[in-house]
């Protein structure tokens, strides 16, 4: 899925992962501004995307379907 689709999914409460993430890593969003990690860390979404703005981050996203 694309970055835009991933953001939409996170805003609806879904957890998403990326090809560059480890097998147990995921993120979601709280509202429009906060990214929440699998470890419970929260930080402004603009800071998360600042370092992930290259073309490699535009695709490769998926909804987390199972947690182990």
PDB file of N, CA and C in Angstrom:
ATOM      1  N   UNK A   1       0.847  -1.168   0.000  1.00  0.00           N
ATOM      2  CA  UNK A   1       0.000   0.000   0.000  1.00  0.00           C
ATOM      3  C   UNK A   1       0.888   1.224   0.000  1.00  0.00           C
ATOM      4  N   UNK A   2       0.316   2.337  -0.394  1.00  0.00           N
ATOM      5  CA  UNK A   2       1.076   3.579  -0.461  1.00  0.00           C
ATOM      6  C   UNK A   2       1.115   4.266   0.904  1.00  0.00           C
ATOM      7  N   UNK A   3       1.965   5.257   1.002  1.00  0.00           N
ATOM      8  CA  UNK A   3       2.065   6.050   2.225  1.00  0.00           C
ATOM      9  C   UNK A   3       0.722   6.705   2.546  1.00  0.00           C
ATOM     10  N   UNK A   4       0.067   7.265   1.555  1.00  0.00           N
ATOM     11  CA  UNK A   4      -1.234   7.908   1.769  1.00  0.00           C
ATOM     12  C   UNK A   4      -2.269   6.917   2.280  1.00  0.00           C
ATOM     13  N   UNK A   5      -2.278   5.724   1.718  1.00  0.00           N
ATOM     14  CA  UNK A   5      -3.210   4.688   2.166  1.00  0.00           C
ATOM     15  C   UNK A   5      -2.884   4.255   3.594  1.00  0.00           C
ATOM     16  N   UNK A   6      -1.588   4.173   3.908  1.00  0.00           N
ATOM     17  CA  UNK A   6      -1.170   3.786   5.258  1.00  0.00           C
ATOM     18  C   UNK A   6      -1.605   4.837   6.273  1.00  0.00           C
ATOM     19  N   UNK A   7      -1.449   6.103   5.936  1.00  0.00           N
ATOM     20  CA  UNK A   7      -1.866   7.176   6.842  1.00  0.00           C
ATOM     21  C   UNK A   7      -3.367   7.112   7.080  1.00  0.00           C
ATOM     22  N   UNK A   8      -4.125   6.895   6.029  1.00  0.00           N
ATOM     23  CA  UNK A   8      -5.582   6.780   6.164  1.00  0.00           C
ATOM     24  C   UNK A   8      -5.943   5.591   7.063  1.00  0.00           C
ATOM     25  N   UNK A   9      -5.273   4.470   6.866  1.00  0.00           N
ATOM     26  CA  UNK A   9      -5.536   3.286   7.693  1.00  0.00           C
ATOM     27  C   UNK A   9      -5.191   3.554   9.157  1.00  0.00           C
ATOM     28  N   UNK A  10      -4.061   4.220   9.396  1.00  0.00           N
ATOM     29  CA  UNK A  10      -3.669   4.518  10.777  1.00  0.00           C
ATOM     30  C   UNK A  10      -4.662   5.458  11.442  1.00  0.00           C
ATOM     31  N   UNK A  11      -5.140   6.435  10.706  1.00  0.00           N
ATOM     32  CA  UNK A  11      -6.111   7.372  11.267  1.00  0.00           C
ATOM     33  C   UNK A  11      -7.421   6.676  11.627  1.00  0.00           C
ATOM     34  N   UNK A  12      -7.698   5.552  10.981  1.00  0.00           N
ATOM     35  CA  UNK A  12      -8.911   4.796  11.308  1.00  0.00           C
ATOM     36  C   UNK A  12      -8.655   3.737  12.385  1.00  0.00           C
ATOM     37  N   UNK A  13      -7.428   3.765  12.987  1.00  0.00           N
ATOM     38  CA  UNK A  13      -7.130   2.868  14.094  1.00  0.00           C
ATOM     39  C   UNK A  13      -6.343   1.625  13.759  1.00  0.00           C
ATOM     40  N   UNK A  14      -5.977   1.451  12.494  1.00  0.00           N
ATOM     41  CA  UNK A  14      -5.210   0.272  12.092  1.00  0.00           C
ATOM     42  C   UNK A  14      -3.733   0.445  12.440  1.00  0.00           C
ATOM     43  N   UNK A  15      -3.078  -0.669  12.640  1.00  0.00           N
ATOM     44  CA  UNK A  15      -1.631  -0.699  12.835  1.00  0.00           C
ATOM     45  C   UNK A  15      -1.019  -1.061  11.492  1.00  0.00           C
ATOM     46  N   UNK A  16       0.012  -0.322  11.095  1.00  0.00           N
ATOM     47  CA  UNK A  16       0.659  -0.606   9.816  1.00  0.00           C
ATOM     48  C   UNK A  16       2.142  -0.875  10.013  1.00  0.00           C
ATOM     49  N   UNK A  17       2.694  -1.572   9.063  1.00  0.00           N
ATOM     50  CA  UNK A  17       4.119  -1.881   9.065  1.00  0.00           C
ATOM     51  C   UNK A  17       4.682  -1.535   7.693  1.00  0.00           C
ATOM     52  N   UNK A  18       5.984  -1.536   7.591  1.00  0.00           N
ATOM     53  CA  UNK A  18       6.657  -1.196   6.331  1.00  0.00           C
ATOM     54  C   UNK A  18       7.724  -2.243   6.049  1.00  0.00           C
ATOM     55  N   UNK A  19       8.073  -2.377   4.790  1.00  0.00           N
ATOM     56  CA  UNK A  19       9.106  -3.345   4.395  1.00  0.00           C
ATOM     57  C   UNK A  19      10.414  -3.144   5.149  1.00  0.00           C
ATOM     58  N   UNK A  20      10.718  -1.916   5.556  1.00  0.00           N
ATOM     59  CA  UNK A  20      11.957  -1.639   6.280  1.00  0.00           C
ATOM     60  C   UNK A  20      11.851  -1.897   7.778  1.00  0.00           C
ATOM     61  N   UNK A  21      10.657  -2.122   8.278  1.00  0.00           N
ATOM     62  CA  UNK A  21      10.465  -2.377   9.712  1.00  0.00           C
ATOM     63  C   UNK A  21      10.832  -3.822  10.036  1.00  0.00           C
ATOM     64  N   UNK A  22      11.177  -4.061  11.297  1.00  0.00           N
ATOM     65  CA  UNK A  22      11.397  -5.420  11.766  1.00  0.00           C
ATOM     66  C   UNK A  22      10.075  -6.174  11.830  1.00  0.00           C
ATOM     67  N   UNK A  23      10.140  -7.469  12.052  1.00  0.00           N
ATOM     68  CA  UNK A  23       8.945  -8.313  11.998  1.00  0.00           C
ATOM     69  C   UNK A  23       7.882  -7.966  13.043  1.00  0.00           C
ATOM     70  N   UNK A  24       8.281  -7.345  14.137  1.00  0.00           N
ATOM     71  CA  UNK A  24       7.314  -7.000  15.177  1.00  0.00           C
ATOM     72  C   UNK A  24       7.088  -5.498  15.302  1.00  0.00           C
ATOM     73  N   UNK A  25       7.605  -4.731  14.366  1.00  0.00           N
ATOM     74  CA  UNK A  25       7.461  -3.276  14.424  1.00  0.00           C
ATOM     75  C   UNK A  25       6.210  -2.822  13.683  1.00  0.00           C
ATOM     76  N   UNK A  26       5.533  -1.859  14.272  1.00  0.00           N
ATOM     77  CA  UNK A  26       4.365  -1.256  13.637  1.00  0.00           C
ATOM     78  C   UNK A  26       4.177   0.150  14.184  1.00  0.00           C
ATOM     79  N   UNK A  27       3.342   0.923  13.487  1.00  0.00           N
ATOM     80  CA  UNK A  27       2.957   2.249  13.958  1.00  0.00           C
ATOM     81  C   UNK A  27       1.460   2.427  13.728  1.00  0.00           C
ATOM     82  N   UNK A  28       0.888   3.367  14.440  1.00  0.00           N
ATOM     83  CA  UNK A  28      -0.488   3.793  14.225  1.00  0.00           C
ATOM     84  C   UNK A  28      -0.538   5.275  14.545  1.00  0.00           C
ATOM     85  N   UNK A  29      -1.698   5.866  14.403  1.00  0.00           N
ATOM     86  CA  UNK A  29      -1.829   7.292  14.693  1.00  0.00           C
ATOM     87  C   UNK A  29      -2.930   7.525  15.709  1.00  0.00           C
ATOM     88  N   UNK A  30      -2.718   8.529  16.515  1.00  0.00           N
ATOM     89  CA  UNK A  30      -3.741   8.999  17.431  1.00  0.00           C
ATOM     90  C   UNK A  30      -4.111  10.392  16.950  1.00  0.00           C
ATOM     91  N   UNK A  31      -5.319  10.535  16.422  1.00  0.00           N
ATOM     92  CA  UNK A  31      -5.696  11.805  15.821  1.00  0.00           C
ATOM     93  C   UNK A  31      -4.913  12.040  14.543  1.00  0.00           C
ATOM     94  N   UNK A  32      -4.676  13.283  14.216  1.00  0.00           N
ATOM     95  CA  UNK A  32      -3.940  13.617  13.003  1.00  0.00           C
ATOM     96  C   UNK A  32      -2.478  13.926  13.266  1.00  0.00           C
ATOM     97  N   UNK A  33      -2.102  14.029  14.514  1.00  0.00           N
ATOM     98  CA  UNK A  33      -0.777  14.572  14.819  1.00  0.00           C
ATOM     99  C   UNK A  33       0.213  13.615  15.465  1.00  0.00           C
ATOM    100  N   UNK A  34      -0.225  12.558  16.108  1.00  0.00           N
ATOM    101  CA  UNK A  34       0.700  11.715  16.873  1.00  0.00           C
ATOM    102  C   UNK A  34       0.874  10.339  16.245  1.00  0.00           C
ATOM    103  N   UNK A  35       2.117   9.926  16.096  1.00  0.00           N
ATOM    104  CA  UNK A  35       2.471   8.561  15.690  1.00  0.00           C
ATOM    105  C   UNK A  35       2.748   7.779  16.963  1.00  0.00           C
ATOM    106  N   UNK A  36       2.166   6.583  17.048  1.00  0.00           N
ATOM    107  CA  UNK A  36       2.371   5.709  18.201  1.00  0.00           C
ATOM    108  C   UNK A  36       3.081   4.452  17.707  1.00  0.00           C
ATOM    109  N   UNK A  37       4.165   4.059  18.382  1.00  0.00           N
ATOM    110  CA  UNK A  37       4.911   2.866  17.991  1.00  0.00           C
ATOM    111  C   UNK A  37       4.439   1.656  18.787  1.00  0.00           C
ATOM    112  N   UNK A  38       4.917   0.487  18.371  1.00  0.00           N
ATOM    113  CA  UNK A  38       4.571  -0.754  19.071  1.00  0.00           C
ATOM    114  C   UNK A  38       5.045  -0.741  20.515  1.00  0.00           C
ATOM    115  N   UNK A  39       6.039   0.063  20.819  1.00  0.00           N
ATOM    116  CA  UNK A  39       6.559   0.156  22.190  1.00  0.00           C
ATOM    117  C   UNK A  39       5.812   1.188  23.028  1.00  0.00           C
ATOM    118  N   UNK A  40       4.842   1.870  22.410  1.00  0.00           N
ATOM    119  CA  UNK A  40       4.062   2.857  23.132  1.00  0.00           C
ATOM    120  C   UNK A  40       4.609   4.265  23.084  1.00  0.00           C
ATOM    121  N   UNK A  41       5.685   4.465  22.322  1.00  0.00           N
ATOM    122  CA  UNK A  41       6.228   5.815  22.181  1.00  0.00           C
ATOM    123  C   UNK A  41       5.308   6.651  21.307  1.00  0.00           C
ATOM    124  N   UNK A  42       5.201   7.906  21.625  1.00  0.00           N
ATOM    125  CA  UNK A  42       4.360   8.827  20.866  1.00  0.00           C
ATOM    126  C   UNK A  42       5.186  10.048  20.502  1.00  0.00           C
ATOM    127  N   UNK A  43       5.079  10.468  19.263  1.00  0.00           N
ATOM    128  CA  UNK A  43       5.786  11.682  18.849  1.00  0.00           C
ATOM    129  C   UNK A  43       5.051  12.316  17.684  1.00  0.00           C
ATOM    130  N   UNK A  44       5.286  13.588  17.418  1.00  0.00           N
ATOM    131  CA  UNK A  44       4.572  14.284  16.338  1.00  0.00           C
ATOM    132  C   UNK A  44       4.808  13.618  14.985  1.00  0.00           C
ATOM    133  N   UNK A  45       3.743  13.482  14.225  1.00  0.00           N
ATOM    134  CA  UNK A  45       3.851  12.807  12.931  1.00  0.00           C
ATOM    135  C   UNK A  45       4.807  13.534  11.983  1.00  0.00           C
ATOM    136  N   UNK A  46       4.878  14.862  12.048  1.00  0.00           N
ATOM    137  CA  UNK A  46       5.785  15.573  11.136  1.00  0.00           C
ATOM    138  C   UNK A  46       7.245  15.194  11.396  1.00  0.00           C
ATOM    139  N   UNK A  47       7.573  14.865  12.636  1.00  0.00           N
ATOM    140  CA  UNK A  47       8.953  14.429  12.931  1.00  0.00           C
ATOM    141  C   UNK A  47       9.215  13.035  12.368  1.00  0.00           C
ATOM    142  N   UNK A  48       8.237  12.153  12.467  1.00  0.00           N
ATOM    143  CA  UNK A  48       8.385  10.807  11.913  1.00  0.00           C
ATOM    144  C   UNK A  48       8.601  10.880  10.404  1.00  0.00           C
ATOM    145  N   UNK A  49       7.770  11.651   9.714  1.00  0.00           N
ATOM    146  CA  UNK A  49       7.849  11.714   8.256  1.00  0.00           C
ATOM    147  C   UNK A  49       9.030  12.531   7.756  1.00  0.00           C
ATOM    148  N   UNK A  50       9.581  13.393   8.579  1.00  0.00           N
ATOM    149  CA  UNK A  50      10.724  14.217   8.164  1.00  0.00           C
ATOM    150  C   UNK A  50      11.887  13.352   7.682  1.00  0.00           C
ATOM    151  N   UNK A  51      12.156  12.267   8.399  1.00  0.00           N
ATOM    152  CA  UNK A  51      13.262  11.377   8.046  1.00  0.00           C
ATOM    153  C   UNK A  51      12.842  10.256   7.103  1.00  0.00           C
ATOM    154  N   UNK A  52      11.574  10.226   6.734  1.00  0.00           N
ATOM    155  CA  UNK A  52      11.058   9.167   5.866  1.00  0.00           C
ATOM    156  C   UNK A  52      10.302   9.792   4.691  1.00  0.00           C
ATOM    157  N   UNK A  53      10.975  10.664   3.978  1.00  0.00           N
ATOM    158  CA  UNK A  53      10.322  11.366   2.886  1.00  0.00           C
ATOM    159  C   UNK A  53      10.869  10.992   1.516  1.00  0.00           C
ATOM    160  N   UNK A  54      11.753  10.014   1.452  1.00  0.00           N
ATOM    161  CA  UNK A  54      12.290   9.580   0.158  1.00  0.00           C
ATOM    162  C   UNK A  54      11.305   8.632  -0.522  1.00  0.00           C
ATOM    163  N   UNK A  55      11.559   8.346  -1.790  1.00  0.00           N
ATOM    164  CA  UNK A  55      10.632   7.520  -2.569  1.00  0.00           C
ATOM    165  C   UNK A  55      10.470   6.110  -1.998  1.00  0.00           C
ATOM    166  N   UNK A  56      11.467   5.621  -1.282  1.00  0.00           N
ATOM    167  CA  UNK A  56      11.383   4.285  -0.697  1.00  0.00           C
ATOM    168  C   UNK A  56      10.248   4.167   0.323  1.00  0.00           C
ATOM    169  N   UNK A  57       9.849   5.284   0.907  1.00  0.00           N
ATOM    170  CA  UNK A  57       8.789   5.288   1.914  1.00  0.00           C
ATOM    171  C   UNK A  57       7.413   5.557   1.308  1.00  0.00           C
ATOM    172  N   UNK A  58       7.338   5.798   0.014  1.00  0.00           N
ATOM    173  CA  UNK A  58       6.048   6.065  -0.639  1.00  0.00           C
ATOM    174  C   UNK A  58       5.228   4.800  -0.855  1.00  0.00           C
ATOM    175  N   UNK A  59       5.885   3.655  -0.870  1.00  0.00           N
ATOM    176  CA  UNK A  59       5.204   2.357  -1.027  1.00  0.00           C
ATOM    177  C   UNK A  59       5.820   1.379  -0.033  1.00  0.00           C
ATOM    178  N   UNK A  60       5.290   0.168   0.002  1.00  0.00           N
ATOM    179  CA  UNK A  60       5.839  -0.863   0.876  1.00  0.00           C
ATOM    180  C   UNK A  60       5.140  -0.977   2.220  1.00  0.00           C
ATOM    181  N   UNK A  61       4.018  -0.306   2.379  1.00  0.00           N
ATOM    182  CA  UNK A  61       3.261  -0.331   3.626  1.00  0.00           C
ATOM    183  C   UNK A  61       2.215  -1.439   3.580  1.00  0.00           C
ATOM    184  N   UNK A  62       1.874  -1.981   4.746  1.00  0.00           N
ATOM    185  CA  UNK A  62       0.787  -2.957   4.840  1.00  0.00           C
ATOM    186  C   UNK A  62       0.152  -2.887   6.217  1.00  0.00           C
ATOM    187  N   UNK A  63      -1.084  -3.325   6.265  1.00  0.00           N
ATOM    188  CA  UNK A  63      -1.803  -3.370   7.546  1.00  0.00           C
ATOM    189  C   UNK A  63      -1.337  -4.605   8.297  1.00  0.00           C
ATOM    190  N   UNK A  64      -1.037  -4.432   9.569  1.00  0.00           N
ATOM    191  CA  UNK A  64      -0.619  -5.543  10.410  1.00  0.00           C
ATOM    192  C   UNK A  64      -1.813  -6.462  10.605  1.00  0.00           C
ATOM    193  N   UNK A  65      -1.655  -7.722  10.243  1.00  0.00           N
ATOM    194  CA  UNK A  65      -2.772  -8.649  10.314  1.00  0.00           C
ATOM    195  C   UNK A  65      -2.706  -9.591  11.500  1.00  0.00           C
ATOM    196  N   UNK A  66      -1.528  -9.809  12.034  1.00  0.00           N
ATOM    197  CA  UNK A  66      -1.400 -10.716  13.173  1.00  0.00           C
ATOM    198  C   UNK A  66      -0.226 -10.284  14.022  1.00  0.00           C
ATOM    199  N   UNK A  67      -0.382 -10.387  15.317  1.00  0.00           N
ATOM    200  CA  UNK A  67       0.712 -10.098  16.227  1.00  0.00           C
ATOM    201  C   UNK A  67       1.183 -11.388  16.856  1.00  0.00           C
ATOM    202  N   UNK A  68       2.503 -11.507  16.994  1.00  0.00           N
ATOM    203  CA  UNK A  68       3.052 -12.708  17.609  1.00  0.00           C
ATOM    204  C   UNK A  68       3.738 -12.362  18.894  1.00  0.00           C
TER     205      UNK A  68
END
